[in-house]
C-alpha atoms as a PDB file:
ATOM      1  CA  MET A   1     -28.761  -4.398   0.719  1.00  0.00           C
ATOM      2  CA  ASN A   2     -29.915  -0.770   0.750  1.00  0.00           C
ATOM      3  CA  ILE A   3     -27.403   2.000   1.457  1.00  0.00           C
ATOM      4  CA  ASN A   4     -28.907   4.334   4.033  1.00  0.00           C
ATOM      5  CA  SER A   5     -25.655   5.973   5.049  1.00  0.00           C
ATOM      6  CA  THR A   6     -22.172   6.287   3.562  1.00  0.00           C
ATOM      7  CA  LYS A   7     -19.028   7.070   5.524  1.00  0.00           C
ATOM      8  CA  LEU A   8     -16.169   8.676   3.626  1.00  0.00           C
ATOM      9  CA  VAL A   9     -13.028   7.702   5.525  1.00  0.00           C
ATOM     10  CA  TYR A  10      -9.756   9.126   4.242  1.00  0.00           C
ATOM     11  CA  PHE A  11      -6.234  10.253   5.020  1.00  0.00           C
ATOM     12  CA  SER A  12      -5.536  13.046   2.551  1.00  0.00           C
ATOM     13  CA  PRO A  13      -2.869  15.663   3.354  1.00  0.00           C
ATOM     14  CA  THR A  14      -2.909  17.197  -0.155  1.00  0.00           C
ATOM     15  CA  GLN A  15      -6.674  16.638  -0.659  1.00  0.00           C
ATOM     16  CA  THR A  16      -6.327  14.408  -3.742  1.00  0.00           C
ATOM     17  CA  THR A  17      -7.450  11.209  -2.009  1.00  0.00           C
ATOM     18  CA  LYS A  18     -10.409  13.115  -0.588  1.00  0.00           C
ATOM     19  CA  LYS A  19     -11.293  14.355  -4.081  1.00  0.00           C
ATOM     20  CA  VAL A  20     -11.338  10.799  -5.465  1.00  0.00           C
ATOM     21  CA  ILE A  21     -13.420   9.470  -2.564  1.00  0.00           C
ATOM     22  CA  GLU A  22     -15.929  12.315  -2.925  1.00  0.00           C
ATOM     23  CA  ALA A  23     -16.266  11.631  -6.661  1.00  0.00           C
ATOM     24  CA  ILE A  24     -16.978   7.951  -5.991  1.00  0.00           C
ATOM     25  CA  ALA A  25     -19.613   8.931  -3.435  1.00  0.00           C
ATOM     26  CA  GLU A  26     -21.433  11.210  -5.914  1.00  0.00           C
ATOM     27  CA  THR A  27     -23.041   8.269  -7.714  1.00  0.00           C
ATOM     28  CA  ILE A  28     -23.835   6.125  -4.676  1.00  0.00           C
ATOM     29  CA  GLU A  29     -27.462   6.355  -3.658  1.00  0.00           C
ATOM     30  CA  SER A  30     -27.397   7.183   0.028  1.00  0.00           C
ATOM     31  CA  THR A  31     -29.606   9.264   2.260  1.00  0.00           C
ATOM     32  CA  ARG A  32     -26.734  10.487   4.437  1.00  0.00           C
ATOM     33  CA  VAL A  33     -23.019  11.057   3.835  1.00  0.00           C
ATOM     34  CA  GLU A  34     -20.570  11.550   6.704  1.00  0.00           C
ATOM     35  CA  HIS A  35     -16.901  12.479   6.435  1.00  0.00           C
ATOM     36  CA  VAL A  36     -14.363  10.833   8.729  1.00  0.00           C
ATOM     37  CA  ASP A  37     -11.153  12.750   8.056  1.00  0.00           C
ATOM     38  CA  LEU A  38      -8.145  10.858   9.410  1.00  0.00           C
ATOM     39  CA  THR A  39      -5.704  13.573   8.342  1.00  0.00           C
ATOM     40  CA  PRO A  40      -5.581  16.016  11.298  1.00  0.00           C
ATOM     41  CA  PRO A  41      -3.340  15.112  14.242  1.00  0.00           C
ATOM     42  CA  ALA A  42      -6.428  14.936  16.480  1.00  0.00           C
ATOM     43  CA  ALA A  43      -7.590  11.857  14.540  1.00  0.00           C
ATOM     44  CA  LEU A  44      -4.925   9.836  16.327  1.00  0.00           C
ATOM     45  CA  THR A  45      -6.574  10.415  19.710  1.00  0.00           C
ATOM     46  CA  ARG A  46     -10.192  10.617  18.557  1.00  0.00           C
ATOM     47  CA  LYS A  47     -12.629   8.444  20.456  1.00  0.00           C
ATOM     48  CA  PRO A  48     -12.900   4.997  18.787  1.00  0.00           C
ATOM     49  CA  MET A  49     -15.768   4.881  16.306  1.00  0.00           C
ATOM     50  CA  GLU A  50     -18.174   2.012  15.718  1.00  0.00           C
ATOM     51  CA  VAL A  51     -19.565   1.627  12.192  1.00  0.00           C
ATOM     52  CA  HIS A  52     -22.792  -0.321  11.669  1.00  0.00           C
ATOM     53  CA  ASP A  53     -25.081  -1.049   8.698  1.00  0.00           C
ATOM     54  CA  GLU A  54     -23.506   1.473   6.357  1.00  0.00           C
ATOM     55  CA  LEU A  55     -21.214   1.611   3.358  1.00  0.00           C
ATOM     56  CA  ALA A  56     -17.684   2.828   4.029  1.00  0.00           C
ATOM     57  CA  LEU A  57     -15.435   4.336   1.361  1.00  0.00           C
ATOM     58  CA  ILE A  58     -11.909   4.089   2.742  1.00  0.00           C
ATOM     59  CA  GLY A  59      -9.128   5.981   0.978  1.00  0.00           C
ATOM     60  CA  SER A  60      -5.401   6.369   1.471  1.00  0.00           C
ATOM     61  CA  PRO A  61      -2.443   7.766  -0.448  1.00  0.00           C
ATOM     62  CA  VAL A  62       0.431   5.453  -1.294  1.00  0.00           C
ATOM     63  CA  TYR A  63       3.869   6.205   0.123  1.00  0.00           C
ATOM     64  CA  ALA A  64       6.603   4.181  -1.615  1.00  0.00           C
ATOM     65  CA  GLY A  65       4.263   1.278  -2.300  1.00  0.00           C
ATOM     66  CA  ARG A  66       2.788   1.084   1.200  1.00  0.00           C
ATOM     67  CA  LEU A  67       0.136   2.752   3.335  1.00  0.00           C
ATOM     68  CA  PRO A  68       1.317   5.690   5.465  1.00  0.00           C
ATOM     69  CA  VAL A  69       2.059   4.544   9.011  1.00  0.00           C
ATOM     70  CA  ASP A  70       0.046   7.438  10.414  1.00  0.00           C
ATOM     71  CA  MET A  71      -2.986   6.467   8.348  1.00  0.00           C
ATOM     72  CA  ILE A  72      -2.836   2.904   9.672  1.00  0.00           C
ATOM     73  CA  ALA A  73      -2.777   4.022  13.304  1.00  0.00           C
ATOM     74  CA  ARG A  74      -5.762   6.321  12.799  1.00  0.00           C
ATOM     75  CA  LEU A  75      -7.842   3.853  10.793  1.00  0.00           C
ATOM     76  CA  ARG A  76      -7.415   1.285  13.547  1.00  0.00           C
ATOM     77  CA  ARG A  77      -9.586   3.493  15.750  1.00  0.00           C
ATOM     78  CA  LEU A  78     -12.599   2.421  13.663  1.00  0.00           C
ATOM     79  CA  LYS A  79     -14.494  -0.836  14.209  1.00  0.00           C
ATOM     80  CA  GLY A  80     -16.242  -2.167  11.121  1.00  0.00           C
ATOM     81  CA  ASN A  81     -18.728  -4.703  12.537  1.00  0.00           C
ATOM     82  CA  ASN A  82     -18.963  -6.463   9.142  1.00  0.00           C
ATOM     83  CA  THR A  83     -19.812  -3.196   7.361  1.00  0.00           C
ATOM     84  CA  PRO A  84     -19.256  -3.351   3.575  1.00  0.00           C
ATOM     85  CA  ALA A  85     -16.352  -1.201   2.410  1.00  0.00           C
ATOM     86  CA  ALA A  86     -14.872  -0.022  -0.869  1.00  0.00           C
ATOM     87  CA  ILE A  87     -11.140   0.479  -0.447  1.00  0.00           C
ATOM     88  CA  VAL A  88      -9.167   2.949  -2.556  1.00  0.00           C
ATOM     89  CA  VAL A  89      -5.490   3.841  -2.821  1.00  0.00           C
ATOM     90  CA  VAL A  90      -4.192   6.898  -4.644  1.00  0.00           C
ATOM     91  CA  TYR A  91      -0.660   7.009  -6.038  1.00  0.00           C
ATOM     92  CA  GLY A  92       1.569   9.344  -8.037  1.00  0.00           C
ATOM     93  CA  ASN A  93       1.707   7.480 -11.378  1.00  0.00           C
ATOM     94  CA  ARG A  94       4.638   5.245 -10.367  1.00  0.00           C
ATOM     95  CA  ALA A  95       3.173   2.104  -8.741  1.00  0.00           C
ATOM     96  CA  TYR A  96       0.924   1.219  -5.838  1.00  0.00           C
ATOM     97  CA  GLU A  97       2.694  -2.113  -5.228  1.00  0.00           C
ATOM     98  CA  ASP A  98       1.380  -3.668  -1.985  1.00  0.00           C
ATOM     99  CA  ALA A  99      -0.707  -0.728  -0.756  1.00  0.00           C
ATOM    100  CA  LEU A 100      -4.119  -1.923  -1.955  1.00  0.00           C
ATOM    101  CA  ARG A 101      -3.621  -5.395  -0.498  1.00  0.00           C
ATOM    102  CA  GLU A 102      -2.391  -3.823   2.729  1.00  0.00           C
ATOM    103  CA  LEU A 103      -5.533  -1.678   2.903  1.00  0.00           C
ATOM    104  CA  ARG A 104      -7.747  -4.691   2.246  1.00  0.00           C
ATOM    105  CA  ASP A 105      -6.016  -6.663   5.002  1.00  0.00           C
ATOM    106  CA  LEU A 106      -6.260  -3.741   7.408  1.00  0.00           C
ATOM    107  CA  ALA A 107      -9.956  -3.257   6.639  1.00  0.00           C
ATOM    108  CA  LEU A 108     -10.570  -6.941   7.352  1.00  0.00           C
ATOM    109  CA  GLU A 109      -8.541  -6.748  10.556  1.00  0.00           C
ATOM    110  CA  ILE A 110     -10.703  -3.969  11.990  1.00  0.00           C
ATOM    111  CA  GLY A 111     -13.959  -5.632  11.020  1.00  0.00           C
ATOM    112  CA  PHE A 112     -14.949  -4.247   7.626  1.00  0.00           C
ATOM    113  CA  ARG A 113     -16.056  -6.397   4.696  1.00  0.00           C
ATOM    114  CA  PRO A 114     -14.212  -5.190   1.562  1.00  0.00           C
ATOM    115  CA  VAL A 115     -16.486  -5.591  -1.472  1.00  0.00           C
ATOM    116  CA  ALA A 116     -14.668  -3.397  -4.009  1.00  0.00           C
ATOM    117  CA  GLY A 117     -11.230  -1.920  -4.504  1.00  0.00           C
ATOM    118  CA  GLY A 118      -9.641   0.728  -6.646  1.00  0.00           C
ATOM    119  CA  ALA A 119      -6.295   2.338  -7.415  1.00  0.00           C
ATOM    120  CA  PHE A 120      -6.411   5.901  -8.736  1.00  0.00           C
ATOM    121  CA  ILE A 121      -3.745   8.362  -9.788  1.00  0.00           C
ATOM    122  CA  ALA A 122      -3.045  11.814  -8.375  1.00  0.00           C
ATOM    123  CA  GLU A 123      -0.323  14.397  -8.688  1.00  0.00           C
ATOM    124  CA  HIS A 124       2.725  13.117  -6.854  1.00  0.00           C
ATOM    125  CA  SER A 125       3.425  14.873  -3.570  1.00  0.00           C
ATOM    126  CA  TYR A 126       6.941  15.724  -4.769  1.00  0.00           C
ATOM    127  CA  SER A 127       5.704  17.160  -8.070  1.00  0.00           C
ATOM    128  CA  THR A 128       6.600  20.790  -8.757  1.00  0.00           C
ATOM    129  CA  ALA A 129       5.927  23.188 -11.623  1.00  0.00           C
ATOM    130  CA  ALA A 130       9.535  22.799 -12.715  1.00  0.00           C
ATOM    131  CA  VAL A 131       9.631  19.005 -12.370  1.00  0.00           C
ATOM    132  CA  PRO A 132       6.039  17.721 -12.729  1.00  0.00           C
ATOM    133  CA  VAL A 133       4.904  14.189 -11.913  1.00  0.00           C
ATOM    134  CA  ALA A 134       1.265  13.402 -12.829  1.00  0.00           C
ATOM    135  CA  ALA A 135       0.504  17.122 -12.583  1.00  0.00           C
ATOM    136  CA  GLY A 136      -3.173  18.028 -12.310  1.00  0.00           C
ATOM    137  CA  ARG A 137      -4.427  14.562 -11.498  1.00  0.00           C
ATOM    138  CA  PRO A 138      -6.983  13.428 -10.653  1.00  0.00           C
ATOM    139  CA  ASP A 139      -8.255  15.155 -13.783  1.00  0.00           C
ATOM    140  CA  GLY A 140     -11.686  15.093 -15.390  1.00  0.00           C
ATOM    141  CA  ASP A 141     -11.221  11.617 -16.836  1.00  0.00           C
ATOM    142  CA  ASP A 142     -10.063  10.255 -13.479  1.00  0.00           C
ATOM    143  CA  LEU A 143     -13.078  11.713 -11.690  1.00  0.00           C
ATOM    144  CA  MET A 144     -15.408  10.342 -14.348  1.00  0.00           C
ATOM    145  CA  ARG A 145     -13.924   6.885 -13.741  1.00  0.00           C
ATOM    146  CA  ALA A 146     -14.403   7.410 -10.011  1.00  0.00           C
ATOM    147  CA  ARG A 147     -18.091   8.194 -10.535  1.00  0.00           C
ATOM    148  CA  GLU A 148     -18.460   5.105 -12.721  1.00  0.00           C
ATOM    149  CA  PHE A 149     -16.831   3.094  -9.940  1.00  0.00           C
ATOM    150  CA  GLY A 150     -19.412   4.499  -7.537  1.00  0.00           C
ATOM    151  CA  LYS A 151     -22.259   3.421  -9.833  1.00  0.00           C
ATOM    152  CA  THR A 152     -20.900  -0.120  -9.958  1.00  0.00           C
ATOM    153  CA  ILE A 153     -20.507  -0.217  -6.178  1.00  0.00           C
ATOM    154  CA  ASN A 154     -24.107   0.932  -5.896  1.00  0.00           C
ATOM    155  CA  GLU A 155     -25.255  -1.918  -8.158  1.00  0.00           C
ATOM    156  CA  LYS A 156     -23.226  -4.471  -6.248  1.00  0.00           C
ATOM    157  CA  MET A 157     -24.584  -3.308  -2.909  1.00  0.00           C
ATOM    158  CA  SER A 158     -28.132  -3.999  -4.077  1.00  0.00           C
ATOM    159  CA  SER A 159     -27.260  -7.692  -4.408  1.00  0.00           C
ATOM    160  CA  LEU A 160     -25.367  -8.017  -1.131  1.00  0.00           C
ATOM    161  CA  THR A 161     -26.845  -9.658   1.928  1.00  0.00           C
ATOM    162  CA  THR A 162     -26.144  -8.640   5.501  1.00  0.00           C
ATOM    163  CA  ASP A 163     -24.859 -12.078   6.510  1.00  0.00           C
ATOM    164  CA  GLY A 164     -21.422 -11.573   4.989  1.00  0.00           C
ATOM    165  CA  GLY A 165     -21.827 -14.373   2.479  1.00  0.00           C
ATOM    166  CA  THR A 166     -19.451 -13.031  -0.180  1.00  0.00           C
ATOM    167  CA  LEU A 167     -16.087 -14.215  -1.449  1.00  0.00           C
ATOM    168  CA  PRO A 168     -13.036 -12.307  -0.169  1.00  0.00           C
ATOM    169  CA  LEU A 169     -12.083  -9.365  -2.396  1.00  0.00           C
ATOM    170  CA  GLN A 170      -9.026 -10.193  -4.493  1.00  0.00           C
ATOM    171  CA  VAL A 171      -6.592  -7.348  -5.203  1.00  0.00           C
ATOM    172  CA  PRO A 172      -2.971  -7.140  -6.391  1.00  0.00           C
ATOM    173  CA  GLY A 173      -0.131  -7.075  -3.907  1.00  0.00           C
ATOM    174  CA  ASN A 174       2.252  -9.311  -2.029  1.00  0.00           C
ATOM    175  CA  PHE A 175       2.476 -10.567   1.513  1.00  0.00           C
ATOM    176  CA  PRO A 176       4.772 -10.093   3.321  1.00  0.00           C
ATOM    177  CA  TYR A 177       4.535  -6.518   2.128  1.00  0.00           C
ATOM    178  CA  LYS A 178       7.587  -4.781   0.723  1.00  0.00           C
ATOM    179  CA  GLU A 179       9.896  -3.261   3.308  1.00  0.00           C
ATOM    180  CA  ARG A 180       9.234   0.363   4.033  1.00  0.00           C
ATOM    181  CA  ALA A 181      11.630   2.666   2.268  1.00  0.00           C
ATOM    182  CA  GLY A 182      12.168   6.320   2.771  1.00  0.00           C
ATOM    183  CA  LEU A 183      14.402   9.037   4.037  1.00  0.00           C
ATOM    184  CA  VAL A 184      14.612   9.990   7.681  1.00  0.00           C
ATOM    185  CA  ASN A 185      15.147  13.412   9.190  1.00  0.00           C
ATOM    186  CA  VAL A 186      14.242  15.173   5.947  1.00  0.00           C
ATOM    187  CA  ALA A 187      11.637  17.922   5.821  1.00  0.00           C
ATOM    188  CA  PRO A 188      10.643  20.940   3.726  1.00  0.00           C
ATOM    189  CA  VAL A 189      12.492  24.147   4.416  1.00  0.00           C
ATOM    190  CA  THR A 190      11.213  27.721   4.482  1.00  0.00           C
ATOM    191  CA  ASP A 191      12.592  30.644   2.526  1.00  0.00           C
ATOM    192  CA  HIS A 192      12.246  33.284   5.193  1.00  0.00           C
ATOM    193  CA  THR A 193      12.820  36.091   2.688  1.00  0.00           C
ATOM    194  CA  VAL A 194       9.532  35.100   1.036  1.00  0.00           C
ATOM    195  CA  CYS A 195       7.502  33.732   3.956  1.00  0.00           C
ATOM    196  CA  THR A 196       4.794  36.117   5.210  1.00  0.00           C
ATOM    197  CA  ARG A 197       4.116  34.093   8.377  1.00  0.00           C
ATOM    198  CA  CYS A 198       0.508  33.552   7.288  1.00  0.00           C
ATOM    199  CA  GLU A 199       0.513  30.214   9.189  1.00  0.00           C
ATOM    200  CA  LYS A 200      -1.460  28.356   6.495  1.00  0.00           C
ATOM    201  CA  CYS A 201       1.110  25.576   6.572  1.00  0.00           C
ATOM    202  CA  ILE A 202       0.566  24.781  10.268  1.00  0.00           C
ATOM    203  CA  PRO A 203      -3.000  23.379  10.310  1.00  0.00           C
ATOM    204  CA  VAL A 204      -2.515  21.221   7.193  1.00  0.00           C
ATOM    205  CA  CYS A 205       0.394  19.269   8.671  1.00  0.00           C
ATOM    206  CA  PRO A 206      -0.990  15.828   9.652  1.00  0.00           C
ATOM    207  CA  THR A 207       1.641  15.290  12.350  1.00  0.00           C
ATOM    208  CA  ALA A 208       1.830  18.811  13.852  1.00  0.00           C
ATOM    209  CA  ALA A 209       5.470  18.996  12.804  1.00  0.00           C
ATOM    210  CA  ILE A 210       5.361  22.715  11.917  1.00  0.00           C
ATOM    211  CA  THR A 211       5.597  25.513  14.450  1.00  0.00           C
ATOM    212  CA  LEU A 212       5.898  29.273  14.271  1.00  0.00           C
ATOM    213  CA  GLN A 213       7.982  31.156  16.773  1.00  0.00           C
ATOM    214  CA  ASP A 214      10.465  33.660  15.390  1.00  0.00           C
ATOM    215  CA  THR A 215      10.374  31.699  12.136  1.00  0.00           C
ATOM    216  CA  VAL A 216       8.504  28.755  10.630  1.00  0.00           C
ATOM    217  CA  THR A 217      10.290  25.550  11.581  1.00  0.00           C
ATOM    218  CA  THR A 218       9.642  21.876  10.893  1.00  0.00           C
ATOM    219  CA  ASP A 219      10.604  18.961  13.097  1.00  0.00           C
ATOM    220  CA  PRO A 220      12.217  16.526  10.609  1.00  0.00           C
ATOM    221  CA  GLY A 221      11.647  13.614  12.969  1.00  0.00           C
ATOM    222  CA  MET A 222       7.889  14.180  12.811  1.00  0.00           C
ATOM    223  CA  CYS A 223       7.592  15.133   9.131  1.00  0.00           C
ATOM    224  CA  ILE A 224       6.156  12.444   6.829  1.00  0.00           C
ATOM    225  CA  ARG A 225       7.047  14.386   3.647  1.00  0.00           C
ATOM    226  CA  CYS A 226       3.438  14.582   2.461  1.00  0.00           C
ATOM    227  CA  CYS A 227       4.235  18.084   1.129  1.00  0.00           C
ATOM    228  CA  ALA A 228       0.848  19.491   2.156  1.00  0.00           C
ATOM    229  CA  CYS A 229       2.626  22.564   3.510  1.00  0.00           C
ATOM    230  CA  ILE A 230       4.364  23.116   0.175  1.00  0.00           C
ATOM    231  CA  LYS A 231       1.131  22.828  -1.811  1.00  0.00           C
ATOM    232  CA  ILE A 232      -0.780  25.207   0.488  1.00  0.00           C
ATOM    233  CA  CYS A 233       1.824  27.986   0.731  1.00  0.00           C
ATOM    234  CA  PRO A 234       0.535  31.007  -1.238  1.00  0.00           C
ATOM    235  CA  GLU A 235       4.012  32.518  -1.555  1.00  0.00           C
ATOM    236  CA  GLY A 236       5.940  29.405  -2.594  1.00  0.00           C
ATOM    237  CA  ALA A 237       8.108  29.792   0.493  1.00  0.00           C
ATOM    238  CA  ARG A 238       8.175  26.064   1.328  1.00  0.00           C
ATOM    239  CA  SER A 239      10.205  23.562  -0.680  1.00  0.00           C
ATOM    240  CA  MET A 240      12.126  20.305  -0.570  1.00  0.00           C
ATOM    241  CA  GLU A 241      15.789  21.127  -0.922  1.00  0.00           C
ATOM    242  CA  ASP A 242      17.402  17.846   0.164  1.00  0.00           C
ATOM    243  CA  PRO A 243      19.433  16.588  -2.827  1.00  0.00           C
ATOM    244  CA  ARG A 244      18.149  13.042  -2.345  1.00  0.00           C
ATOM    245  CA  ILE A 245      14.553  14.199  -2.711  1.00  0.00           C
ATOM    246  CA  LYS A 246      15.480  16.223  -5.772  1.00  0.00           C
ATOM    247  CA  GLN A 247      17.024  13.133  -7.332  1.00  0.00           C
ATOM    248  CA  VAL A 248      13.870  11.114  -6.615  1.00  0.00           C
ATOM    249  CA  VAL A 249      11.741  13.776  -8.317  1.00  0.00           C
ATOM    250  CA  GLU A 250      14.035  13.859 -11.350  1.00  0.00           C
ATOM    251  CA  ASN A 251      13.798  10.081 -11.643  1.00  0.00           C
ATOM    252  CA  LEU A 252      10.015  10.134 -11.344  1.00  0.00           C
ATOM    253  CA  ASN A 253       9.720  12.890 -13.930  1.00  0.00           C
ATOM    254  CA  ARG A 254      11.916  10.968 -16.352  1.00  0.00           C
ATOM    255  CA  ASN A 255      10.589   7.436 -15.799  1.00  0.00           C
ATOM    256  CA  CYS A 256       6.900   7.901 -14.940  1.00  0.00           C
ATOM    257  CA  ARG A 257       5.614  10.058 -17.776  1.00  0.00           C
ATOM    258  CA  ALA A 258       3.423   7.422 -19.427  1.00  0.00           C
ATOM    259  CA  ARG A 259      -0.117   7.967 -18.211  1.00  0.00           C
ATOM    260  CA  LYS A 260      -1.473   5.236 -15.959  1.00  0.00           C
ATOM    261  CA  GLU A 261      -5.196   4.710 -15.613  1.00  0.00           C
ATOM    262  CA  PRO A 262      -7.389   3.789 -12.625  1.00  0.00           C
ATOM    263  CA  GLU A 263      -7.826   0.103 -11.853  1.00  0.00           C
ATOM    264  CA  ILE A 264     -10.869  -1.343 -10.101  1.00  0.00           C
ATOM    265  CA  TYR A 265     -11.573  -4.729  -8.506  1.00  0.00           C
ATOM    266  CA  PHE A 266     -14.743  -6.514  -7.424  1.00  0.00           C
END
């Protein structure tokens, strides 16, 4: 099966999932590449998209071993029509648990045909300079592995037929999936003595939780703690100050130092 067009489909608040997906795409022979960014709030109300006779690279970060709820809602606006897909999850060097299986099941549900899967590592959203967790990843080695993954996908696609006659992709994970865990009503705070009101944090928020009136404020009920606003702030004015988050980061820094490597499945 020839690849005439590749769709890069991703939810990537801190841009690391996008970086991995783009690296995979570099070594796939395709005449046209189209980005379908599920990150902006507008993706939730975007007109449903039909995908036909292409290759889809579908990527998502992992939040506590599961897919982000917002990513799921936005991906469901795509219809796969038996289009082959490589599914990828990106996690912060702890564990991806049920996320890759959940993404495979979701891709099947909306009509895609998963033919390859991968789990890659990126800097954890909670990572800071003072308390790093997988800092700087994906690094050069990770991106090299992503390009190698793309080459293998390319080779596999050449042997695929359009009739869907392939065995279901097997990936790690349990069903029922693990219960969602996480804190509620917690969000980054702004140090107003440092903030310059540049507004760079507002457009990167995937749920439109940040507003600027007299000061920069965040609706904790809407915040998904992706930390995109923290990473983008040029002044370091945004931070997580909740003691529970700080404890999580300390635990990750202490227990997740051993380097994990990408895993791929065909």
